[in-house]
Amino acid sequence: MIVKDVSGGHRARQAQATREQVARAARALFRQQGYVATTIAEIALAADIPAQTIYSSLRNKPGILAEILRLWIAESEVQRQHEQALAQPDPVRRLRMAAHWHRRQMELGYDVIAIYTEAARVDEVIAQAWRQIEAGRERAVTSLVTSLDGQLAAGLTAKTAVDLYLAATLAEAYSLLVLQRGWSLEQYESWLGDQLLRQLLG
């Protein structure tokens, strides 16, 4: 009889659950009192996880922030939604889907962007990581714009189309319209879709 050893898998799941518990507690604290002001000791208390365990599993605050980012990306299903948009043959529908996936990202993770922005001012490692994230986002936008080859507005180059897309989807626009001016998420998504259609397809 073969006895399957599941201890390793169980330990791995436990370790991941611990990382996620720490990340959730830290995210709330970072949002409430700022990245810089929050200590590992406070995170340990909020997560009900010993500080030494946090150091062992995530090492430091940049490590915790990376786990927060990972969870946000997984929850918002960025890659899947991006692929679905690219597979959509209708360019109008494709851009409406892009507006939806961006709205979804902002809805689930605007606070993560704000935390990274603050942290990048004081930590060059985080600043470099955020630049890589932004570069990855630009590559995704470029692939979407490239898929519209031959359908862009007359005289509009792919490079300018990427610039216009990035400008329309700035986190600051979401903050202004939804968080400050009280727009609903549906209003914001509709506005963004209109902007992308008008700017990119004419």
N, C-alpha and C. Protein backbone atom coordinates (compact mmCIF):
# COMPACT_ATOMS: atom_id res chain seq x y z
N MET A 1 0.85 -1.20 0.00
CA MET A 1 0.00 0.00 0.00
C MET A 1 0.89 1.25 0.00
N ILE A 2 0.54 2.21 -0.86
CA ILE A 2 1.28 3.46 -0.95
C ILE A 2 0.58 4.51 -0.11
N VAL A 3 1.33 5.08 0.81
CA VAL A 3 0.78 6.16 1.65
C VAL A 3 1.30 7.49 1.14
N LYS A 4 0.40 8.34 0.72
CA LYS A 4 0.79 9.63 0.17
C LYS A 4 1.16 10.61 1.28
N ASP A 5 2.31 11.23 1.15
CA ASP A 5 2.76 12.21 2.15
C ASP A 5 2.18 13.56 1.80
N VAL A 6 1.24 14.02 2.61
CA VAL A 6 0.59 15.32 2.32
C VAL A 6 1.10 16.41 3.25
N SER A 7 2.06 16.08 4.10
CA SER A 7 2.51 17.07 5.08
C SER A 7 3.13 18.29 4.43
N GLY A 8 3.92 18.04 3.37
CA GLY A 8 4.55 19.17 2.68
C GLY A 8 3.53 20.11 2.08
N GLY A 9 2.51 19.53 1.42
CA GLY A 9 1.46 20.35 0.83
C GLY A 9 0.68 21.11 1.87
N HIS A 10 0.41 20.44 2.98
CA HIS A 10 -0.34 21.09 4.06
C HIS A 10 0.47 22.25 4.64
N ARG A 11 1.75 22.03 4.84
CA ARG A 11 2.61 23.09 5.39
C ARG A 11 2.68 24.28 4.43
N ALA A 12 2.75 23.96 3.12
CA ALA A 12 2.82 25.04 2.13
C ALA A 12 1.53 25.86 2.14
N ARG A 13 0.39 25.17 2.27
CA ARG A 13 -0.89 25.89 2.31
C ARG A 13 -0.99 26.74 3.58
N GLN A 14 -0.50 26.18 4.67
CA GLN A 14 -0.51 26.93 5.92
C GLN A 14 0.36 28.19 5.83
N ALA A 15 1.54 28.01 5.23
CA ALA A 15 2.46 29.14 5.09
C ALA A 15 1.85 30.22 4.20
N GLN A 16 1.17 29.79 3.11
CA GLN A 16 0.55 30.77 2.23
C GLN A 16 -0.61 31.47 2.93
N ALA A 17 -1.38 30.73 3.70
CA ALA A 17 -2.49 31.34 4.45
C ALA A 17 -1.96 32.37 5.43
N THR A 18 -0.83 32.08 6.05
CA THR A 18 -0.21 33.04 6.97
C THR A 18 0.21 34.30 6.24
N ARG A 19 0.84 34.14 5.07
CA ARG A 19 1.26 35.32 4.29
C ARG A 19 0.06 36.18 3.90
N GLU A 20 -1.02 35.53 3.52
CA GLU A 20 -2.21 36.27 3.12
C GLU A 20 -2.85 36.98 4.31
N GLN A 21 -2.84 36.34 5.46
CA GLN A 21 -3.39 36.97 6.66
C GLN A 21 -2.58 38.21 7.04
N VAL A 22 -1.27 38.10 6.94
CA VAL A 22 -0.40 39.24 7.22
C VAL A 22 -0.65 40.36 6.21
N ALA A 23 -0.75 39.99 4.93
CA ALA A 23 -0.94 40.98 3.87
C ALA A 23 -2.25 41.74 4.06
N ARG A 24 -3.31 41.05 4.41
CA ARG A 24 -4.60 41.72 4.61
C ARG A 24 -4.55 42.69 5.78
N ALA A 25 -3.92 42.26 6.88
CA ALA A 25 -3.82 43.14 8.04
C ALA A 25 -2.95 44.34 7.73
N ALA A 26 -1.83 44.10 7.04
CA ALA A 26 -0.92 45.20 6.70
C ALA A 26 -1.58 46.18 5.74
N ARG A 27 -2.31 45.67 4.78
CA ARG A 27 -2.98 46.55 3.81
C ARG A 27 -3.92 47.51 4.51
N ALA A 28 -4.68 47.01 5.47
CA ALA A 28 -5.60 47.88 6.21
C ALA A 28 -4.84 48.94 6.99
N LEU A 29 -3.74 48.56 7.62
CA LEU A 29 -2.95 49.52 8.38
C LEU A 29 -2.27 50.54 7.47
N PHE A 30 -1.72 50.07 6.36
CA PHE A 30 -1.08 50.99 5.41
C PHE A 30 -2.10 52.01 4.90
N ARG A 31 -3.32 51.54 4.66
CA ARG A 31 -4.36 52.42 4.15
C ARG A 31 -4.77 53.44 5.21
N GLN A 32 -4.85 53.00 6.46
CA GLN A 32 -5.34 53.87 7.53
C GLN A 32 -4.29 54.87 8.02
N GLN A 33 -3.05 54.41 8.19
CA GLN A 33 -2.06 55.29 8.82
C GLN A 33 -0.80 55.51 8.00
N GLY A 34 -0.75 54.92 6.79
CA GLY A 34 0.39 55.14 5.92
C GLY A 34 1.42 54.02 6.00
N TYR A 35 2.12 53.84 4.91
CA TYR A 35 3.14 52.79 4.83
C TYR A 35 4.31 53.08 5.76
N VAL A 36 4.79 54.31 5.72
CA VAL A 36 5.98 54.67 6.50
C VAL A 36 5.71 54.55 8.00
N ALA A 37 4.54 55.00 8.45
CA ALA A 37 4.25 55.04 9.88
C ALA A 37 3.96 53.67 10.48
N THR A 38 3.63 52.70 9.63
CA THR A 38 3.25 51.37 10.14
C THR A 38 4.48 50.51 10.42
N THR A 39 4.49 49.87 11.56
CA THR A 39 5.61 49.01 11.95
C THR A 39 5.24 47.53 11.82
N ILE A 40 6.26 46.69 11.75
CA ILE A 40 6.04 45.24 11.71
C ILE A 40 5.33 44.80 12.99
N ALA A 41 5.67 45.40 14.12
CA ALA A 41 5.03 45.05 15.38
C ALA A 41 3.53 45.30 15.33
N GLU A 42 3.13 46.42 14.72
CA GLU A 42 1.70 46.73 14.59
C GLU A 42 1.02 45.74 13.66
N ILE A 43 1.70 45.37 12.59
CA ILE A 43 1.14 44.40 11.65
C ILE A 43 0.97 43.05 12.34
N ALA A 44 1.97 42.65 13.12
CA ALA A 44 1.91 41.38 13.84
C ALA A 44 0.71 41.36 14.79
N LEU A 45 0.50 42.46 15.46
CA LEU A 45 -0.62 42.55 16.41
C LEU A 45 -1.96 42.46 15.67
N ALA A 46 -2.07 43.21 14.57
CA ALA A 46 -3.32 43.22 13.81
C ALA A 46 -3.61 41.88 13.16
N ALA A 47 -2.57 41.21 12.70
CA ALA A 47 -2.74 39.91 12.03
C ALA A 47 -2.82 38.75 13.01
N ASP A 48 -2.47 39.01 14.27
CA ASP A 48 -2.38 37.96 15.28
C ASP A 48 -1.38 36.88 14.86
N ILE A 49 -0.27 37.36 14.32
CA ILE A 49 0.82 36.50 13.86
C ILE A 49 2.11 37.00 14.53
N PRO A 50 2.93 36.14 15.13
CA PRO A 50 4.17 36.61 15.75
C PRO A 50 5.06 37.36 14.76
N ALA A 51 5.68 38.42 15.23
CA ALA A 51 6.55 39.22 14.36
C ALA A 51 7.65 38.37 13.73
N GLN A 52 8.20 37.43 14.49
CA GLN A 52 9.27 36.59 13.98
C GLN A 52 8.79 35.74 12.81
N THR A 53 7.54 35.30 12.86
CA THR A 53 6.96 34.54 11.75
C THR A 53 6.86 35.41 10.50
N ILE A 54 6.50 36.68 10.70
CA ILE A 54 6.41 37.60 9.57
C ILE A 54 7.78 37.80 8.95
N TYR A 55 8.79 38.00 9.78
CA TYR A 55 10.15 38.17 9.26
C TYR A 55 10.60 36.92 8.50
N SER A 56 10.22 35.75 8.99
CA SER A 56 10.64 34.50 8.35
C SER A 56 9.95 34.28 7.01
N SER A 57 8.68 34.64 6.93
CA SER A 57 7.92 34.34 5.72
C SER A 57 7.96 35.46 4.67
N LEU A 58 7.94 36.71 5.13
CA LEU A 58 7.89 37.84 4.19
C LEU A 58 9.05 38.82 4.35
N ARG A 59 9.86 38.61 5.32
CA ARG A 59 11.12 39.32 5.56
C ARG A 59 10.95 40.74 6.10
N ASN A 60 10.20 41.58 5.37
CA ASN A 60 10.13 42.99 5.73
C ASN A 60 8.90 43.63 5.09
N LYS A 61 8.78 44.93 5.25
CA LYS A 61 7.60 45.61 4.69
C LYS A 61 7.56 45.56 3.16
N PRO A 62 8.67 45.71 2.45
CA PRO A 62 8.60 45.53 0.99
C PRO A 62 8.11 44.14 0.60
N GLY A 63 8.50 43.12 1.36
CA GLY A 63 8.01 41.77 1.08
C GLY A 63 6.52 41.64 1.31
N ILE A 64 6.04 42.29 2.37
CA ILE A 64 4.60 42.30 2.64
C ILE A 64 3.86 43.03 1.53
N LEU A 65 4.42 44.13 1.08
CA LEU A 65 3.78 44.91 0.02
C LEU A 65 3.71 44.12 -1.28
N ALA A 66 4.74 43.34 -1.56
CA ALA A 66 4.73 42.50 -2.76
C ALA A 66 3.62 41.46 -2.68
N GLU A 67 3.37 40.92 -1.49
CA GLU A 67 2.28 39.95 -1.32
C GLU A 67 0.92 40.63 -1.47
N ILE A 68 0.80 41.86 -0.97
CA ILE A 68 -0.44 42.63 -1.17
C ILE A 68 -0.70 42.82 -2.66
N LEU A 69 0.34 43.15 -3.40
CA LEU A 69 0.21 43.34 -4.85
C LEU A 69 -0.22 42.04 -5.52
N ARG A 70 0.41 40.94 -5.15
CA ARG A 70 0.09 39.65 -5.76
C ARG A 70 -1.38 39.31 -5.56
N LEU A 71 -1.87 39.52 -4.34
CA LEU A 71 -3.27 39.21 -4.04
C LEU A 71 -4.22 40.11 -4.83
N TRP A 72 -3.86 41.39 -4.97
CA TRP A 72 -4.70 42.32 -5.74
C TRP A 72 -4.79 41.88 -7.20
N ILE A 73 -3.66 41.56 -7.80
CA ILE A 73 -3.64 41.15 -9.20
C ILE A 73 -4.44 39.87 -9.40
N ALA A 74 -4.29 38.93 -8.46
CA ALA A 74 -5.02 37.67 -8.57
C ALA A 74 -6.53 37.91 -8.45
N GLU A 75 -6.93 38.76 -7.51
CA GLU A 75 -8.35 39.01 -7.29
C GLU A 75 -8.98 39.73 -8.47
N SER A 76 -8.27 40.68 -9.05
CA SER A 76 -8.84 41.45 -10.16
C SER A 76 -8.76 40.71 -11.49
N GLU A 77 -8.07 39.57 -11.53
CA GLU A 77 -8.00 38.72 -12.73
C GLU A 77 -7.58 39.51 -13.97
N VAL A 78 -6.55 40.30 -13.81
CA VAL A 78 -6.10 41.18 -14.88
C VAL A 78 -5.76 40.41 -16.15
N GLN A 79 -4.95 39.35 -16.01
CA GLN A 79 -4.49 38.62 -17.18
C GLN A 79 -5.65 38.00 -17.95
N ARG A 80 -6.58 37.39 -17.24
CA ARG A 80 -7.72 36.76 -17.91
C ARG A 80 -8.57 37.79 -18.64
N GLN A 81 -8.85 38.92 -18.00
CA GLN A 81 -9.68 39.94 -18.64
C GLN A 81 -8.98 40.56 -19.83
N HIS A 82 -7.66 40.72 -19.72
CA HIS A 82 -6.89 41.26 -20.83
C HIS A 82 -6.97 40.32 -22.03
N GLU A 83 -6.81 39.05 -21.80
CA GLU A 83 -6.86 38.06 -22.88
C GLU A 83 -8.24 38.00 -23.50
N GLN A 84 -9.28 38.12 -22.69
CA GLN A 84 -10.64 38.11 -23.22
C GLN A 84 -10.89 39.32 -24.12
N ALA A 85 -10.37 40.47 -23.71
CA ALA A 85 -10.53 41.68 -24.53
C ALA A 85 -9.81 41.52 -25.87
N LEU A 86 -8.60 41.00 -25.83
CA LEU A 86 -7.84 40.81 -27.06
C LEU A 86 -8.54 39.84 -28.02
N ALA A 87 -9.28 38.89 -27.46
CA ALA A 87 -9.97 37.89 -28.29
C ALA A 87 -11.27 38.42 -28.88
N GLN A 88 -11.70 39.59 -28.41
CA GLN A 88 -12.96 40.18 -28.89
C GLN A 88 -12.73 40.85 -30.25
N PRO A 89 -13.41 40.38 -31.32
CA PRO A 89 -13.16 40.94 -32.66
C PRO A 89 -13.69 42.35 -32.89
N ASP A 90 -14.73 42.73 -32.16
CA ASP A 90 -15.32 44.06 -32.34
C ASP A 90 -14.48 45.09 -31.56
N PRO A 91 -13.87 46.07 -32.26
CA PRO A 91 -13.00 47.03 -31.56
C PRO A 91 -13.74 47.87 -30.52
N VAL A 92 -15.00 48.18 -30.77
CA VAL A 92 -15.78 48.95 -29.80
C VAL A 92 -15.98 48.13 -28.54
N ARG A 93 -16.39 46.89 -28.72
CA ARG A 93 -16.58 46.01 -27.57
C ARG A 93 -15.25 45.77 -26.85
N ARG A 94 -14.17 45.66 -27.60
CA ARG A 94 -12.85 45.43 -27.01
C ARG A 94 -12.47 46.56 -26.06
N LEU A 95 -12.72 47.80 -26.48
CA LEU A 95 -12.36 48.93 -25.63
C LEU A 95 -13.32 49.07 -24.45
N ARG A 96 -14.57 48.70 -24.63
CA ARG A 96 -15.50 48.69 -23.50
C ARG A 96 -15.05 47.66 -22.46
N MET A 97 -14.56 46.53 -22.93
CA MET A 97 -14.05 45.50 -22.02
C MET A 97 -12.80 46.00 -21.30
N ALA A 98 -11.97 46.75 -22.03
CA ALA A 98 -10.77 47.33 -21.41
C ALA A 98 -11.16 48.32 -20.31
N ALA A 99 -12.19 49.12 -20.57
CA ALA A 99 -12.67 50.06 -19.55
C ALA A 99 -13.17 49.31 -18.33
N HIS A 100 -13.82 48.18 -18.57
CA HIS A 100 -14.34 47.39 -17.44
C HIS A 100 -13.19 46.81 -16.61
N TRP A 101 -12.17 46.27 -17.29
CA TRP A 101 -11.09 45.66 -16.51
C TRP A 101 -10.31 46.72 -15.74
N HIS A 102 -10.20 47.94 -16.31
CA HIS A 102 -9.51 49.00 -15.57
C HIS A 102 -10.34 49.43 -14.37
N ARG A 103 -11.63 49.58 -14.57
CA ARG A 103 -12.53 49.94 -13.45
C ARG A 103 -12.42 48.90 -12.35
N ARG A 104 -12.36 47.62 -12.74
CA ARG A 104 -12.27 46.53 -11.77
C ARG A 104 -10.96 46.62 -10.97
N GLN A 105 -9.88 46.92 -11.68
CA GLN A 105 -8.60 47.09 -10.99
C GLN A 105 -8.66 48.23 -9.97
N MET A 106 -9.22 49.36 -10.37
CA MET A 106 -9.31 50.51 -9.47
C MET A 106 -10.22 50.21 -8.28
N GLU A 107 -11.34 49.56 -8.56
CA GLU A 107 -12.31 49.23 -7.51
C GLU A 107 -11.67 48.36 -6.43
N LEU A 108 -10.86 47.41 -6.86
CA LEU A 108 -10.28 46.45 -5.92
C LEU A 108 -8.93 46.87 -5.37
N GLY A 109 -8.27 47.84 -6.04
CA GLY A 109 -6.91 48.10 -5.61
C GLY A 109 -6.40 49.52 -5.71
N TYR A 110 -7.30 50.51 -5.74
CA TYR A 110 -6.79 51.88 -5.76
C TYR A 110 -5.92 52.15 -4.55
N ASP A 111 -6.30 51.60 -3.41
CA ASP A 111 -5.51 51.81 -2.20
C ASP A 111 -4.11 51.22 -2.32
N VAL A 112 -3.98 50.12 -3.07
CA VAL A 112 -2.66 49.52 -3.27
C VAL A 112 -1.76 50.46 -4.06
N ILE A 113 -2.34 51.11 -5.07
CA ILE A 113 -1.58 52.09 -5.86
C ILE A 113 -1.13 53.24 -4.96
N ALA A 114 -2.03 53.72 -4.12
CA ALA A 114 -1.69 54.82 -3.21
C ALA A 114 -0.59 54.40 -2.24
N ILE A 115 -0.65 53.18 -1.74
CA ILE A 115 0.38 52.68 -0.81
C ILE A 115 1.72 52.59 -1.52
N TYR A 116 1.74 52.04 -2.72
CA TYR A 116 2.99 51.93 -3.47
C TYR A 116 3.57 53.31 -3.78
N THR A 117 2.70 54.26 -4.12
CA THR A 117 3.17 55.61 -4.43
C THR A 117 3.87 56.23 -3.23
N GLU A 118 3.27 56.06 -2.05
CA GLU A 118 3.90 56.58 -0.83
C GLU A 118 5.22 55.87 -0.54
N ALA A 119 5.19 54.53 -0.61
CA ALA A 119 6.37 53.74 -0.27
C ALA A 119 7.53 54.01 -1.23
N ALA A 120 7.21 54.25 -2.49
CA ALA A 120 8.26 54.49 -3.50
C ALA A 120 9.03 55.77 -3.23
N ARG A 121 8.43 56.69 -2.50
CA ARG A 121 9.11 57.96 -2.20
C ARG A 121 10.25 57.76 -1.21
N VAL A 122 10.17 56.71 -0.41
CA VAL A 122 11.16 56.53 0.65
C VAL A 122 12.00 55.27 0.49
N ASP A 123 11.65 54.43 -0.47
CA ASP A 123 12.35 53.15 -0.63
C ASP A 123 12.64 52.93 -2.11
N GLU A 124 13.91 52.97 -2.49
CA GLU A 124 14.28 52.85 -3.88
C GLU A 124 13.98 51.45 -4.44
N VAL A 125 14.04 50.44 -3.58
CA VAL A 125 13.71 49.08 -4.02
C VAL A 125 12.24 49.02 -4.46
N ILE A 126 11.38 49.62 -3.65
CA ILE A 126 9.96 49.65 -4.01
C ILE A 126 9.74 50.53 -5.23
N ALA A 127 10.46 51.64 -5.32
CA ALA A 127 10.34 52.53 -6.48
C ALA A 127 10.69 51.77 -7.76
N GLN A 128 11.74 50.98 -7.70
CA GLN A 128 12.14 50.20 -8.87
C GLN A 128 11.10 49.14 -9.20
N ALA A 129 10.56 48.49 -8.16
CA ALA A 129 9.52 47.48 -8.38
C ALA A 129 8.29 48.11 -9.02
N TRP A 130 7.93 49.32 -8.56
CA TRP A 130 6.75 49.99 -9.13
C TRP A 130 6.99 50.39 -10.58
N ARG A 131 8.22 50.80 -10.90
CA ARG A 131 8.54 51.13 -12.30
C ARG A 131 8.38 49.90 -13.18
N GLN A 132 8.76 48.74 -12.67
CA GLN A 132 8.60 47.50 -13.43
C GLN A 132 7.12 47.16 -13.63
N ILE A 133 6.33 47.41 -12.59
CA ILE A 133 4.88 47.17 -12.70
C ILE A 133 4.27 48.09 -13.75
N GLU A 134 4.67 49.36 -13.71
CA GLU A 134 4.17 50.32 -14.70
C GLU A 134 4.59 49.95 -16.11
N ALA A 135 5.82 49.46 -16.25
CA ALA A 135 6.30 49.03 -17.56
C ALA A 135 5.49 47.84 -18.07
N GLY A 136 5.15 46.93 -17.15
CA GLY A 136 4.32 45.79 -17.54
C GLY A 136 2.94 46.23 -17.98
N ARG A 137 2.39 47.21 -17.29
CA ARG A 137 1.08 47.74 -17.67
C ARG A 137 1.15 48.39 -19.05
N GLU A 138 2.22 49.13 -19.31
CA GLU A 138 2.35 49.76 -20.62
C GLU A 138 2.46 48.71 -21.72
N ARG A 139 3.14 47.60 -21.44
CA ARG A 139 3.23 46.53 -22.44
C ARG A 139 1.84 45.95 -22.74
N ALA A 140 1.02 45.80 -21.69
CA ALA A 140 -0.32 45.27 -21.89
C ALA A 140 -1.17 46.24 -22.72
N VAL A 141 -1.04 47.54 -22.42
CA VAL A 141 -1.77 48.55 -23.19
C VAL A 141 -1.30 48.55 -24.64
N THR A 142 -0.01 48.44 -24.83
CA THR A 142 0.54 48.42 -26.19
C THR A 142 0.00 47.24 -26.98
N SER A 143 -0.11 46.09 -26.34
CA SER A 143 -0.65 44.92 -27.05
C SER A 143 -2.11 45.14 -27.42
N LEU A 144 -2.86 45.82 -26.56
CA LEU A 144 -4.25 46.12 -26.88
C LEU A 144 -4.34 47.08 -28.06
N VAL A 145 -3.53 48.14 -28.02
CA VAL A 145 -3.53 49.12 -29.10
C VAL A 145 -3.08 48.47 -30.41
N THR A 146 -2.07 47.62 -30.35
CA THR A 146 -1.59 46.93 -31.54
C THR A 146 -2.69 46.08 -32.16
N SER A 147 -3.55 45.52 -31.31
CA SER A 147 -4.65 44.69 -31.82
C SER A 147 -5.67 45.51 -32.60
N LEU A 148 -5.59 46.84 -32.47
CA LEU A 148 -6.51 47.74 -33.18
C LEU A 148 -5.89 48.26 -34.48
N ASP A 149 -4.81 47.64 -34.91
CA ASP A 149 -4.12 48.07 -36.12
C ASP A 149 -5.09 48.14 -37.29
N GLY A 150 -5.11 49.30 -37.97
CA GLY A 150 -6.02 49.49 -39.09
C GLY A 150 -7.38 50.01 -38.67
N GLN A 151 -7.64 50.09 -37.37
CA GLN A 151 -8.94 50.56 -36.89
C GLN A 151 -8.83 51.84 -36.06
N LEU A 152 -7.60 52.28 -35.82
CA LEU A 152 -7.41 53.51 -35.05
C LEU A 152 -7.91 54.72 -35.84
N ALA A 153 -8.20 55.79 -35.13
CA ALA A 153 -8.66 57.02 -35.79
C ALA A 153 -7.65 57.50 -36.81
N ALA A 154 -8.13 58.15 -37.85
CA ALA A 154 -7.27 58.62 -38.94
C ALA A 154 -6.16 59.52 -38.39
N GLY A 155 -4.93 59.23 -38.78
CA GLY A 155 -3.78 60.03 -38.38
C GLY A 155 -3.23 59.71 -37.01
N LEU A 156 -3.85 58.79 -36.30
CA LEU A 156 -3.41 58.45 -34.95
C LEU A 156 -2.38 57.32 -35.01
N THR A 157 -1.19 57.58 -34.49
CA THR A 157 -0.16 56.54 -34.45
C THR A 157 -0.38 55.64 -33.24
N ALA A 158 0.20 54.46 -33.29
CA ALA A 158 0.07 53.53 -32.17
C ALA A 158 0.68 54.12 -30.91
N LYS A 159 1.81 54.81 -31.04
CA LYS A 159 2.46 55.40 -29.87
C LYS A 159 1.56 56.44 -29.21
N THR A 160 0.96 57.32 -30.01
CA THR A 160 0.07 58.33 -29.45
C THR A 160 -1.17 57.70 -28.85
N ALA A 161 -1.66 56.63 -29.47
CA ALA A 161 -2.82 55.91 -28.94
C ALA A 161 -2.51 55.34 -27.56
N VAL A 162 -1.30 54.80 -27.39
CA VAL A 162 -0.89 54.29 -26.08
C VAL A 162 -0.84 55.43 -25.07
N ASP A 163 -0.27 56.56 -25.49
CA ASP A 163 -0.20 57.73 -24.60
C ASP A 163 -1.59 58.17 -24.15
N LEU A 164 -2.54 58.22 -25.09
CA LEU A 164 -3.89 58.65 -24.77
C LEU A 164 -4.57 57.66 -23.82
N TYR A 165 -4.35 56.38 -24.06
CA TYR A 165 -4.92 55.35 -23.19
C TYR A 165 -4.38 55.49 -21.77
N LEU A 166 -3.07 55.64 -21.65
CA LEU A 166 -2.46 55.77 -20.32
C LEU A 166 -2.96 57.02 -19.60
N ALA A 167 -3.15 58.11 -20.34
CA ALA A 167 -3.65 59.34 -19.73
C ALA A 167 -5.08 59.16 -19.23
N ALA A 168 -5.92 58.50 -20.04
CA ALA A 168 -7.32 58.32 -19.66
C ALA A 168 -7.49 57.42 -18.45
N THR A 169 -6.53 56.50 -18.27
CA THR A 169 -6.67 55.52 -17.19
C THR A 169 -5.80 55.84 -15.98
N LEU A 170 -5.35 57.08 -15.85
CA LEU A 170 -4.59 57.47 -14.67
C LEU A 170 -5.42 57.23 -13.41
N ALA A 171 -4.77 56.73 -12.38
CA ALA A 171 -5.46 56.49 -11.11
C ALA A 171 -6.04 57.78 -10.54
N GLU A 172 -5.40 58.90 -10.85
CA GLU A 172 -5.88 60.19 -10.34
C GLU A 172 -7.27 60.51 -10.88
N ALA A 173 -7.57 60.07 -12.10
CA ALA A 173 -8.90 60.32 -12.67
C ALA A 173 -9.96 59.53 -11.90
N TYR A 174 -9.64 58.29 -11.58
CA TYR A 174 -10.55 57.47 -10.77
C TYR A 174 -10.76 58.11 -9.40
N SER A 175 -9.67 58.54 -8.78
CA SER A 175 -9.77 59.16 -7.47
C SER A 175 -10.66 60.40 -7.50
N LEU A 176 -10.45 61.24 -8.50
CA LEU A 176 -11.23 62.47 -8.61
C LEU A 176 -12.71 62.17 -8.81
N LEU A 177 -13.02 61.33 -9.79
CA LEU A 177 -14.42 61.13 -10.18
C LEU A 177 -15.18 60.26 -9.18
N VAL A 178 -14.58 59.17 -8.75
CA VAL A 178 -15.30 58.22 -7.90
C VAL A 178 -15.15 58.56 -6.42
N LEU A 179 -13.93 58.74 -5.96
CA LEU A 179 -13.69 58.93 -4.53
C LEU A 179 -14.00 60.35 -4.06
N GLN A 180 -13.71 61.34 -4.91
CA GLN A 180 -13.92 62.73 -4.49
C GLN A 180 -15.25 63.31 -4.96
N ARG A 181 -15.63 63.00 -6.21
CA ARG A 181 -16.85 63.59 -6.77
C ARG A 181 -18.08 62.70 -6.64
N GLY A 182 -17.88 61.48 -6.16
CA GLY A 182 -19.02 60.62 -5.85
C GLY A 182 -19.65 59.90 -7.02
N TRP A 183 -18.93 59.78 -8.15
CA TRP A 183 -19.47 59.02 -9.26
C TRP A 183 -19.61 57.55 -8.87
N SER A 184 -20.60 56.89 -9.45
CA SER A 184 -20.71 55.45 -9.25
C SER A 184 -19.66 54.76 -10.12
N LEU A 185 -19.37 53.52 -9.80
CA LEU A 185 -18.42 52.75 -10.60
C LEU A 185 -18.92 52.58 -12.03
N GLU A 186 -20.22 52.43 -12.19
CA GLU A 186 -20.80 52.29 -13.54
C GLU A 186 -20.63 53.57 -14.34
N GLN A 187 -20.84 54.73 -13.69
CA GLN A 187 -20.63 56.00 -14.38
C GLN A 187 -19.18 56.14 -14.83
N TYR A 188 -18.27 55.79 -13.92
CA TYR A 188 -16.84 55.90 -14.26
C TYR A 188 -16.49 54.98 -15.42
N GLU A 189 -16.94 53.76 -15.39
CA GLU A 189 -16.63 52.82 -16.46
C GLU A 189 -17.19 53.30 -17.80
N SER A 190 -18.42 53.82 -17.77
CA SER A 190 -19.03 54.33 -19.00
C SER A 190 -18.26 55.52 -19.55
N TRP A 191 -17.88 56.44 -18.67
CA TRP A 191 -17.09 57.61 -19.08
C TRP A 191 -15.76 57.18 -19.68
N LEU A 192 -15.09 56.24 -19.02
CA LEU A 192 -13.79 55.79 -19.51
C LEU A 192 -13.94 55.11 -20.86
N GLY A 193 -14.96 54.27 -21.01
CA GLY A 193 -15.18 53.63 -22.30
C GLY A 193 -15.41 54.65 -23.39
N ASP A 194 -16.22 55.69 -23.09
CA ASP A 194 -16.46 56.76 -24.07
C ASP A 194 -15.16 57.46 -24.46
N GLN A 195 -14.32 57.74 -23.46
CA GLN A 195 -13.05 58.41 -23.73
C GLN A 195 -12.16 57.56 -24.64
N LEU A 196 -12.07 56.28 -24.35
CA LEU A 196 -11.21 55.40 -25.15
C LEU A 196 -11.73 55.30 -26.58
N LEU A 197 -13.03 55.19 -26.73
CA LEU A 197 -13.61 55.11 -28.08
C LEU A 197 -13.37 56.39 -28.86
N ARG A 198 -13.62 57.52 -28.20
CA ARG A 198 -13.48 58.81 -28.87
C ARG A 198 -12.02 59.08 -29.24
N GLN A 199 -11.12 58.81 -28.30
CA GLN A 199 -9.72 59.13 -28.53
C GLN A 199 -9.02 58.16 -29.49
N LEU A 200 -9.36 56.89 -29.39
CA LEU A 200 -8.63 55.88 -30.17
C LEU A 200 -9.29 55.54 -31.50
N LEU A 201 -10.62 55.52 -31.52
CA LEU A 201 -11.30 55.15 -32.75
C LEU A 201 -11.92 56.34 -33.48
N GLY A 202 -11.95 57.49 -32.79
CA GLY A 202 -12.55 58.66 -33.43
C GLY A 202 -14.07 58.57 -33.45
